[in-house]
PDB file of all heavy atoms in Angstrom:
ATOM      1  N   TYR A   1     180.552  18.250  70.711  1.00  0.00           N
ATOM      2  CA  TYR A   1     181.780  17.532  70.371  1.00  0.00           C
ATOM      3  C   TYR A   1     181.689  16.888  68.992  1.00  0.00           C
ATOM      4  O   TYR A   1     180.691  16.244  68.681  1.00  0.00           O
ATOM      5  CB  TYR A   1     182.098  16.477  71.423  1.00  0.00           C
ATOM      6  CG  TYR A   1     183.403  15.755  71.184  1.00  0.00           C
ATOM      7  CD1 TYR A   1     184.609  16.445  71.275  1.00  0.00           C
ATOM      8  CD2 TYR A   1     183.430  14.402  70.855  1.00  0.00           C
ATOM      9  CE1 TYR A   1     185.809  15.788  71.062  1.00  0.00           C
ATOM     10  CE2 TYR A   1     184.626  13.736  70.637  1.00  0.00           C
ATOM     11  CZ  TYR A   1     185.813  14.443  70.722  1.00  0.00           C
ATOM     12  OH  TYR A   1     187.011  13.799  70.507  1.00  0.00           O
ATOM     13  N   GLN A   2     182.737  17.049  68.176  1.00  0.00           N
ATOM     14  CA  GLN A   2     182.822  16.414  66.877  1.00  0.00           C
ATOM     15  C   GLN A   2     183.623  15.121  67.028  1.00  0.00           C
ATOM     16  O   GLN A   2     184.847  15.160  67.227  1.00  0.00           O
ATOM     17  CB  GLN A   2     183.512  17.320  65.853  1.00  0.00           C
ATOM     18  CG  GLN A   2     182.648  18.455  65.335  1.00  0.00           C
ATOM     19  CD  GLN A   2     183.379  19.235  64.267  1.00  0.00           C
ATOM     20  OE1 GLN A   2     184.110  20.174  64.543  1.00  0.00           O
ATOM     21  NE2 GLN A   2     183.171  18.833  63.012  1.00  0.00           N
ATOM     22  N   VAL A   3     182.945  13.987  66.942  1.00  0.00           N
ATOM     23  CA  VAL A   3     183.594  12.694  67.089  1.00  0.00           C
ATOM     24  C   VAL A   3     184.563  12.464  65.925  1.00  0.00           C
ATOM     25  O   VAL A   3     184.271  12.809  64.773  1.00  0.00           O
ATOM     26  CB  VAL A   3     182.533  11.568  67.121  1.00  0.00           C
ATOM     27  CG1 VAL A   3     183.209  10.187  67.161  1.00  0.00           C
ATOM     28  CG2 VAL A   3     181.622  11.754  68.340  1.00  0.00           C
ATOM     29  N   LEU A   4     185.730  11.912  66.226  1.00  0.00           N
ATOM     30  CA  LEU A   4     186.712  11.570  65.220  1.00  0.00           C
ATOM     31  C   LEU A   4     186.925  10.046  65.281  1.00  0.00           C
ATOM     32  O   LEU A   4     187.296   9.503  66.323  1.00  0.00           O
ATOM     33  CB  LEU A   4     188.027  12.298  65.494  1.00  0.00           C
ATOM     34  CG  LEU A   4     189.086  12.247  64.392  1.00  0.00           C
ATOM     35  CD1 LEU A   4     188.572  12.893  63.119  1.00  0.00           C
ATOM     36  CD2 LEU A   4     190.372  12.947  64.874  1.00  0.00           C
ATOM     37  N   ASP A   5     186.653   9.371  64.179  1.00  0.00           N
ATOM     38  CA  ASP A   5     186.753   7.917  64.125  1.00  0.00           C
ATOM     39  C   ASP A   5     188.116   7.435  64.584  1.00  0.00           C
ATOM     40  O   ASP A   5     189.163   7.958  64.154  1.00  0.00           O
ATOM     41  CB  ASP A   5     186.494   7.404  62.710  1.00  0.00           C
ATOM     42  CG  ASP A   5     185.052   7.561  62.285  1.00  0.00           C
ATOM     43  OD1 ASP A   5     184.193   7.777  63.155  1.00  0.00           O
ATOM     44  OD2 ASP A   5     184.768   7.490  61.072  1.00  0.00           O
ATOM     45  N   GLY A   6     188.102   6.459  65.505  1.00  0.00           N
ATOM     46  CA  GLY A   6     189.345   5.875  65.978  1.00  0.00           C
ATOM     47  C   GLY A   6     190.045   6.666  67.064  1.00  0.00           C
ATOM     48  O   GLY A   6     191.122   6.268  67.510  1.00  0.00           O
ATOM     49  N   VAL A   7     189.481   7.786  67.482  1.00  0.00           N
ATOM     50  CA  VAL A   7     190.097   8.622  68.513  1.00  0.00           C
ATOM     51  C   VAL A   7     189.164   8.725  69.711  1.00  0.00           C
ATOM     52  O   VAL A   7     188.000   9.081  69.561  1.00  0.00           O
ATOM     53  CB  VAL A   7     190.413  10.038  67.962  1.00  0.00           C
ATOM     54  CG1 VAL A   7     190.967  10.940  69.085  1.00  0.00           C
ATOM     55  CG2 VAL A   7     191.398   9.961  66.819  1.00  0.00           C
ATOM     56  N   GLU A   8     189.673   8.409  70.873  1.00  0.00           N
ATOM     57  CA  GLU A   8     188.866   8.472  72.104  1.00  0.00           C
ATOM     58  C   GLU A   8     188.661   9.922  72.520  1.00  0.00           C
ATOM     59  O   GLU A   8     189.568  10.740  72.433  1.00  0.00           O
ATOM     60  CB  GLU A   8     189.569   7.705  73.219  1.00  0.00           C
ATOM     61  CG  GLU A   8     188.744   7.573  74.471  1.00  0.00           C
ATOM     62  CD  GLU A   8     189.407   6.675  75.522  1.00  0.00           C
ATOM     63  OE1 GLU A   8     190.410   6.026  75.168  1.00  0.00           O
ATOM     64  OE2 GLU A   8     188.922   6.646  76.668  1.00  0.00           O
ATOM     65  N   ALA A   9     187.444  10.233  72.939  1.00  0.00           N
ATOM     66  CA  ALA A   9     187.123  11.593  73.373  1.00  0.00           C
ATOM     67  C   ALA A   9     187.947  11.978  74.591  1.00  0.00           C
ATOM     68  O   ALA A   9     188.344  11.131  75.382  1.00  0.00           O
ATOM     69  CB  ALA A   9     185.632  11.701  73.643  1.00  0.00           C
ATOM     70  N   PRO A  10     188.204  13.265  74.789  1.00  0.00           N
ATOM     71  CA  PRO A  10     189.010  13.704  75.934  1.00  0.00           C
ATOM     72  C   PRO A  10     188.335  13.425  77.266  1.00  0.00           C
ATOM     73  O   PRO A  10     187.110  13.308  77.373  1.00  0.00           O
ATOM     74  CB  PRO A  10     189.159  15.206  75.723  1.00  0.00           C
ATOM     75  CG  PRO A  10     188.754  15.460  74.314  1.00  0.00           C
ATOM     76  CD  PRO A  10     187.781  14.392  73.953  1.00  0.00           C
ATOM     77  N   ALA A  11     189.159  13.330  78.290  1.00  0.00           N
ATOM     78  CA  ALA A  11     188.681  13.146  79.660  1.00  0.00           C
ATOM     79  C   ALA A  11     188.690  14.477  80.402  1.00  0.00           C
ATOM     80  O   ALA A  11     189.175  15.499  79.896  1.00  0.00           O
ATOM     81  CB  ALA A  11     189.584  12.143  80.386  1.00  0.00           C
ATOM     82  N   LEU A  12     188.143  14.484  81.592  1.00  0.00           N
ATOM     83  CA  LEU A  12     188.145  15.658  82.461  1.00  0.00           C
ATOM     84  C   LEU A  12     189.579  16.157  82.641  1.00  0.00           C
ATOM     85  O   LEU A  12     190.511  15.380  82.854  1.00  0.00           O
ATOM     86  CB  LEU A  12     187.551  15.295  83.826  1.00  0.00           C
ATOM     87  CG  LEU A  12     187.544  16.390  84.883  1.00  0.00           C
ATOM     88  CD1 LEU A  12     186.565  17.493  84.539  1.00  0.00           C
ATOM     89  CD2 LEU A  12     187.222  15.787  86.267  1.00  0.00           C
ATOM     90  N   LEU A  13     189.753  17.478  82.571  1.00  0.00           N
ATOM     91  CA  LEU A  13     191.077  18.081  82.731  1.00  0.00           C
ATOM     92  C   LEU A  13     190.937  19.303  83.617  1.00  0.00           C
ATOM     93  O   LEU A  13     190.076  20.140  83.418  1.00  0.00           O
ATOM     94  CB  LEU A  13     191.635  18.463  81.363  1.00  0.00           C
ATOM     95  CG  LEU A  13     193.050  19.014  81.284  1.00  0.00           C
ATOM     96  CD1 LEU A  13     193.681  18.669  79.929  1.00  0.00           C
ATOM     97  CD2 LEU A  13     193.106  20.527  81.496  1.00  0.00           C
ATOM     98  N   ILE A  14     191.819  19.379  84.616  1.00  0.00           N
ATOM     99  CA  ILE A  14     191.862  20.521  85.535  1.00  0.00           C
ATOM    100  C   ILE A  14     193.234  21.168  85.412  1.00  0.00           C
ATOM    101  O   ILE A  14     194.261  20.464  85.374  1.00  0.00           O
ATOM    102  CB  ILE A  14     191.650  20.064  86.983  1.00  0.00           C
ATOM    103  CG1 ILE A  14     190.358  19.239  87.129  1.00  0.00           C
ATOM    104  CG2 ILE A  14     191.609  21.285  87.923  1.00  0.00           C
ATOM    105  CD1 ILE A  14     189.096  19.981  86.865  1.00  0.00           C
ATOM    106  N   GLY A  15     193.272  22.504  85.355  1.00  0.00           N
ATOM    107  CA  GLY A  15     194.567  23.174  85.215  1.00  0.00           C
ATOM    108  C   GLY A  15     194.610  24.537  85.864  1.00  0.00           C
ATOM    109  O   GLY A  15     193.607  25.064  86.334  1.00  0.00           O
ATOM    110  N   ASP A  16     195.810  25.122  85.846  1.00  0.00           N
ATOM    111  CA  ASP A  16     196.066  26.466  86.377  1.00  0.00           C
ATOM    112  C   ASP A  16     196.890  27.192  85.327  1.00  0.00           C
ATOM    113  O   ASP A  16     198.026  26.794  85.027  1.00  0.00           O
ATOM    114  CB  ASP A  16     196.830  26.385  87.695  1.00  0.00           C
ATOM    115  CG  ASP A  16     197.102  27.735  88.333  1.00  0.00           C
ATOM    116  OD1 ASP A  16     197.082  28.766  87.594  1.00  0.00           O
ATOM    117  OD2 ASP A  16     197.346  27.792  89.540  1.00  0.00           O
ATOM    118  N   GLU A  17     196.323  28.245  84.753  1.00  0.00           N
ATOM    119  CA  GLU A  17     196.985  28.951  83.651  1.00  0.00           C
ATOM    120  C   GLU A  17     198.362  29.467  84.029  1.00  0.00           C
ATOM    121  O   GLU A  17     199.284  29.468  83.197  1.00  0.00           O
ATOM    122  CB  GLU A  17     196.094  30.115  83.188  1.00  0.00           C
ATOM    123  CG  GLU A  17     196.575  30.834  81.920  1.00  0.00           C
ATOM    124  CD  GLU A  17     197.300  32.126  82.215  1.00  0.00           C
ATOM    125  OE1 GLU A  17     197.283  32.569  83.384  1.00  0.00           O
ATOM    126  OE2 GLU A  17     197.891  32.697  81.279  1.00  0.00           O
ATOM    127  N   THR A  18     198.560  29.860  85.271  1.00  0.00           N
ATOM    128  CA  THR A  18     199.849  30.410  85.674  1.00  0.00           C
ATOM    129  C   THR A  18     200.937  29.355  85.732  1.00  0.00           C
ATOM    130  O   THR A  18     202.132  29.685  85.762  1.00  0.00           O
ATOM    131  CB  THR A  18     199.746  31.088  87.055  1.00  0.00           C
ATOM    132  OG1 THR A  18     199.388  30.105  88.054  1.00  0.00           O
ATOM    133  CG2 THR A  18     198.694  32.190  87.049  1.00  0.00           C
ATOM    134  N   LYS A  19     200.555  28.077  85.719  1.00  0.00           N
ATOM    135  CA  LYS A  19     201.547  26.990  85.769  1.00  0.00           C
ATOM    136  C   LYS A  19     201.791  26.353  84.408  1.00  0.00           C
ATOM    137  O   LYS A  19     202.576  25.397  84.282  1.00  0.00           O
ATOM    138  CB  LYS A  19     201.104  25.927  86.776  1.00  0.00           C
ATOM    139  CG  LYS A  19     201.028  26.461  88.193  1.00  0.00           C
ATOM    140  CD  LYS A  19     200.553  25.392  89.182  1.00  0.00           C
ATOM    141  CE  LYS A  19     200.471  25.950  90.598  1.00  0.00           C
ATOM    142  NZ  LYS A  19     199.950  24.949  91.558  1.00  0.00           N
ATOM    143  N   VAL A  20     201.124  26.867  83.370  1.00  0.00           N
ATOM    144  CA  VAL A  20     201.322  26.343  82.003  1.00  0.00           C
ATOM    145  C   VAL A  20     202.523  27.046  81.391  1.00  0.00           C
ATOM    146  O   VAL A  20     202.635  28.272  81.444  1.00  0.00           O
ATOM    147  CB  VAL A  20     200.084  26.605  81.143  1.00  0.00           C
ATOM    148  CG1 VAL A  20     200.310  26.172  79.714  1.00  0.00           C
ATOM    149  CG2 VAL A  20     198.861  25.855  81.733  1.00  0.00           C
ATOM    150  N   ALA A  21     203.434  26.270  80.806  1.00  0.00           N
ATOM    151  CA  ALA A  21     204.602  26.852  80.182  1.00  0.00           C
ATOM    152  C   ALA A  21     204.184  27.710  78.986  1.00  0.00           C
ATOM    153  O   ALA A  21     203.299  27.319  78.206  1.00  0.00           O
ATOM    154  CB  ALA A  21     205.548  25.744  79.730  1.00  0.00           C
ATOM    155  N   SER A  22     204.811  28.862  78.845  1.00  0.00           N
ATOM    156  CA  SER A  22     204.509  29.744  77.723  1.00  0.00           C
ATOM    157  C   SER A  22     205.588  29.605  76.660  1.00  0.00           C
ATOM    158  O   SER A  22     206.723  29.197  76.943  1.00  0.00           O
ATOM    159  CB  SER A  22     204.391  31.203  78.186  1.00  0.00           C
ATOM    160  OG  SER A  22     205.633  31.680  78.648  1.00  0.00           O
ATOM    161  N   ALA A  23     205.236  29.990  75.433  1.00  0.00           N
ATOM    162  CA  ALA A  23     206.171  29.931  74.317  1.00  0.00           C
ATOM    163  C   ALA A  23     206.052  31.220  73.512  1.00  0.00           C
ATOM    164  O   ALA A  23     204.949  31.769  73.341  1.00  0.00           O
ATOM    165  CB  ALA A  23     205.881  28.725  73.446  1.00  0.00           C
ATOM    166  N   ALA A  24     207.160  31.670  72.979  1.00  0.00           N
ATOM    167  CA  ALA A  24     207.154  32.871  72.135  1.00  0.00           C
ATOM    168  C   ALA A  24     206.455  32.547  70.807  1.00  0.00           C
ATOM    169  O   ALA A  24     206.714  31.510  70.212  1.00  0.00           O
ATOM    170  CB  ALA A  24     208.577  33.336  71.893  1.00  0.00           C
ATOM    171  N   LEU A  25     205.578  33.447  70.379  1.00  0.00           N
ATOM    172  CA  LEU A  25     204.902  33.257  69.102  1.00  0.00           C
ATOM    173  C   LEU A  25     205.816  33.699  67.970  1.00  0.00           C
ATOM    174  O   LEU A  25     206.264  34.847  67.924  1.00  0.00           O
ATOM    175  CB  LEU A  25     203.595  34.049  69.074  1.00  0.00           C
ATOM    176  CG  LEU A  25     202.755  33.889  67.804  1.00  0.00           C
ATOM    177  CD1 LEU A  25     202.238  32.448  67.671  1.00  0.00           C
ATOM    178  CD2 LEU A  25     201.589  34.860  67.786  1.00  0.00           C
ATOM    179  N   ASN A  26     206.103  32.783  67.062  1.00  0.00           N
ATOM    180  CA  ASN A  26     206.973  33.051  65.911  1.00  0.00           C
ATOM    181  C   ASN A  26     208.306  33.664  66.332  1.00  0.00           C
ATOM    182  O   ASN A  26     208.884  34.523  65.639  1.00  0.00           O
ATOM    183  CB  ASN A  26     206.259  33.990  64.920  1.00  0.00           C
ATOM    184  CG  ASN A  26     205.022  33.368  64.337  1.00  0.00           C
ATOM    185  OD1 ASN A  26     204.952  32.159  64.129  1.00  0.00           O
ATOM    186  ND2 ASN A  26     204.026  34.201  64.065  1.00  0.00           N
ATOM    187  N   GLY A  27     208.802  33.217  67.501  1.00  0.00           N
ATOM    188  CA  GLY A  27     210.109  33.654  67.973  1.00  0.00           C
ATOM    189  C   GLY A  27     210.144  35.020  68.642  1.00  0.00           C
ATOM    190  O   GLY A  27     211.202  35.488  69.053  1.00  0.00           O
ATOM    191  N   ASP A  28     208.984  35.677  68.796  1.00  0.00           N
ATOM    192  CA  ASP A  28     208.923  36.997  69.413  1.00  0.00           C
ATOM    193  C   ASP A  28     208.728  36.833  70.922  1.00  0.00           C
ATOM    194  O   ASP A  28     207.649  36.487  71.385  1.00  0.00           O
ATOM    195  CB  ASP A  28     207.753  37.797  68.812  1.00  0.00           C
ATOM    196  CG  ASP A  28     207.703  39.216  69.315  1.00  0.00           C
ATOM    197  OD1 ASP A  28     208.428  39.565  70.268  1.00  0.00           O
ATOM    198  OD2 ASP A  28     206.901  40.008  68.769  1.00  0.00           O
ATOM    199  N   GLU A  29     209.787  37.097  71.697  1.00  0.00           N
ATOM    200  CA  GLU A  29     209.732  36.922  73.140  1.00  0.00           C
ATOM    201  C   GLU A  29     208.787  37.891  73.816  1.00  0.00           C
ATOM    202  O   GLU A  29     208.386  37.677  74.976  1.00  0.00           O
ATOM    203  CB  GLU A  29     211.142  37.060  73.737  1.00  0.00           C
ATOM    204  CG  GLU A  29     212.111  35.983  73.322  1.00  0.00           C
ATOM    205  CD  GLU A  29     211.713  34.594  73.819  1.00  0.00           C
ATOM    206  OE1 GLU A  29     211.048  34.525  74.871  1.00  0.00           O
ATOM    207  OE2 GLU A  29     212.069  33.592  73.163  1.00  0.00           O
ATOM    208  N   ASP A  30     208.379  38.951  73.149  1.00  0.00           N
ATOM    209  CA  ASP A  30     207.451  39.919  73.716  1.00  0.00           C
ATOM    210  C   ASP A  30     206.000  39.499  73.555  1.00  0.00           C
ATOM    211  O   ASP A  30     205.084  40.186  74.003  1.00  0.00           O
ATOM    212  CB  ASP A  30     207.634  41.298  73.075  1.00  0.00           C
ATOM    213  CG  ASP A  30     208.955  41.936  73.472  1.00  0.00           C
ATOM    214  OD1 ASP A  30     209.526  41.541  74.507  1.00  0.00           O
ATOM    215  OD2 ASP A  30     209.409  42.842  72.731  1.00  0.00           O
ATOM    216  N   LEU A  31     205.783  38.344  72.896  1.00  0.00           N
ATOM    217  CA  LEU A  31     204.430  37.856  72.673  1.00  0.00           C
ATOM    218  C   LEU A  31     204.415  36.376  73.068  1.00  0.00           C
ATOM    219  O   LEU A  31     204.982  35.526  72.377  1.00  0.00           O
ATOM    220  CB  LEU A  31     204.053  38.025  71.194  1.00  0.00           C
ATOM    221  CG  LEU A  31     202.568  38.104  70.815  1.00  0.00           C
ATOM    222  CD1 LEU A  31     202.400  38.369  69.341  1.00  0.00           C
ATOM    223  CD2 LEU A  31     201.798  36.842  71.213  1.00  0.00           C
ATOM    224  N   GLN A  32     203.780  36.093  74.195  1.00  0.00           N
ATOM    225  CA  GLN A  32     203.832  34.748  74.772  1.00  0.00           C
ATOM    226  C   GLN A  32     202.461  34.064  74.726  1.00  0.00           C
ATOM    227  O   GLN A  32     201.439  34.690  74.995  1.00  0.00           O
ATOM    228  CB  GLN A  32     204.287  34.805  76.222  1.00  0.00           C
ATOM    229  CG  GLN A  32     205.722  35.318  76.404  1.00  0.00           C
ATOM    230  CD  GLN A  32     206.750  34.278  75.974  1.00  0.00           C
ATOM    231  OE1 GLN A  32     206.589  33.087  76.216  1.00  0.00           O
ATOM    232  NE2 GLN A  32     207.813  34.749  75.343  1.00  0.00           N
ATOM    233  N   VAL A  33     202.466  32.784  74.359  1.00  0.00           N
ATOM    234  CA  VAL A  33     201.231  31.992  74.248  1.00  0.00           C
ATOM    235  C   VAL A  33     201.277  30.861  75.270  1.00  0.00           C
ATOM    236  O   VAL A  33     202.277  30.156  75.398  1.00  0.00           O
ATOM    237  CB  VAL A  33     201.106  31.389  72.837  1.00  0.00           C
ATOM    238  CG1 VAL A  33     199.799  30.587  72.731  1.00  0.00           C
ATOM    239  CG2 VAL A  33     201.150  32.478  71.779  1.00  0.00           C
ATOM    240  N   ARG A  34     200.165  30.680  75.984  1.00  0.00           N
ATOM    241  CA  ARG A  34     200.011  29.546  76.878  1.00  0.00           C
ATOM    242  C   ARG A  34     198.843  28.698  76.392  1.00  0.00           C
ATOM    243  O   ARG A  34     197.687  29.125  76.443  1.00  0.00           O
ATOM    244  CB  ARG A  34     199.740  30.003  78.319  1.00  0.00           C
ATOM    245  CG  ARG A  34     200.960  30.504  79.067  1.00  0.00           C
ATOM    246  CD  ARG A  34     200.643  30.666  80.563  1.00  0.00           C
ATOM    247  NE  ARG A  34     201.839  30.892  81.334  1.00  0.00           N
ATOM    248  CZ  ARG A  34     202.269  32.090  81.739  1.00  0.00           C
ATOM    249  NH1 ARG A  34     201.576  33.163  81.416  1.00  0.00           N
ATOM    250  NH2 ARG A  34     203.355  32.193  82.465  1.00  0.00           N
ATOM    251  N   PRO A  35     199.102  27.475  75.907  1.00  0.00           N
ATOM    252  CA  PRO A  35     197.998  26.592  75.482  1.00  0.00           C
ATOM    253  C   PRO A  35     197.385  25.888  76.682  1.00  0.00           C
ATOM    254  O   PRO A  35     198.064  25.187  77.424  1.00  0.00           O
ATOM    255  CB  PRO A  35     198.717  25.597  74.553  1.00  0.00           C
ATOM    256  CG  PRO A  35     200.126  25.564  75.070  1.00  0.00           C
ATOM    257  CD  PRO A  35     200.421  26.906  75.643  1.00  0.00           C
ATOM    258  N   LEU A  36     196.097  26.064  76.880  1.00  0.00           N
ATOM    259  CA  LEU A  36     195.439  25.527  78.071  1.00  0.00           C
ATOM    260  C   LEU A  36     194.899  24.114  77.853  1.00  0.00           C
ATOM    261  O   LEU A  36     194.567  23.433  78.834  1.00  0.00           O
ATOM    262  CB  LEU A  36     194.307  26.460  78.522  1.00  0.00           C
ATOM    263  CG  LEU A  36     194.719  27.920  78.769  1.00  0.00           C
ATOM    264  CD1 LEU A  36     193.562  28.693  79.391  1.00  0.00           C
ATOM    265  CD2 LEU A  36     195.988  28.015  79.625  1.00  0.00           C
ATOM    266  N   LEU A  37     194.814  23.680  76.610  1.00  0.00           N
ATOM    267  CA  LEU A  37     194.390  22.307  76.307  1.00  0.00           C
ATOM    268  C   LEU A  37     195.477  21.615  75.492  1.00  0.00           C
ATOM    269  O   LEU A  37     196.191  22.262  74.748  1.00  0.00           O
ATOM    270  CB  LEU A  37     193.077  22.302  75.499  1.00  0.00           C
ATOM    271  CG  LEU A  37     191.834  22.863  76.219  1.00  0.00           C
ATOM    272  CD1 LEU A  37     190.644  22.859  75.269  1.00  0.00           C
ATOM    273  CD2 LEU A  37     191.526  22.067  77.475  1.00  0.00           C
ATOM    274  N   PRO A  38     195.588  20.295  75.638  1.00  0.00           N
ATOM    275  CA  PRO A  38     196.591  19.554  74.833  1.00  0.00           C
ATOM    276  C   PRO A  38     196.320  19.726  73.342  1.00  0.00           C
ATOM    277  O   PRO A  38     195.188  19.942  72.906  1.00  0.00           O
ATOM    278  CB  PRO A  38     196.388  18.107  75.284  1.00  0.00           C
ATOM    279  CG  PRO A  38     195.748  18.199  76.634  1.00  0.00           C
ATOM    280  CD  PRO A  38     194.889  19.426  76.586  1.00  0.00           C
TER     281      PRO A  38
END
């Protein structure tokens, strides 16, 4: 982990990729991105 001054390190995170909202990359609906981390 690279510490960033003044920023608290992340906490434990549990997720399910199928429940993450997807977004079109550069407006292309045929190419969808799901970000798994904030």
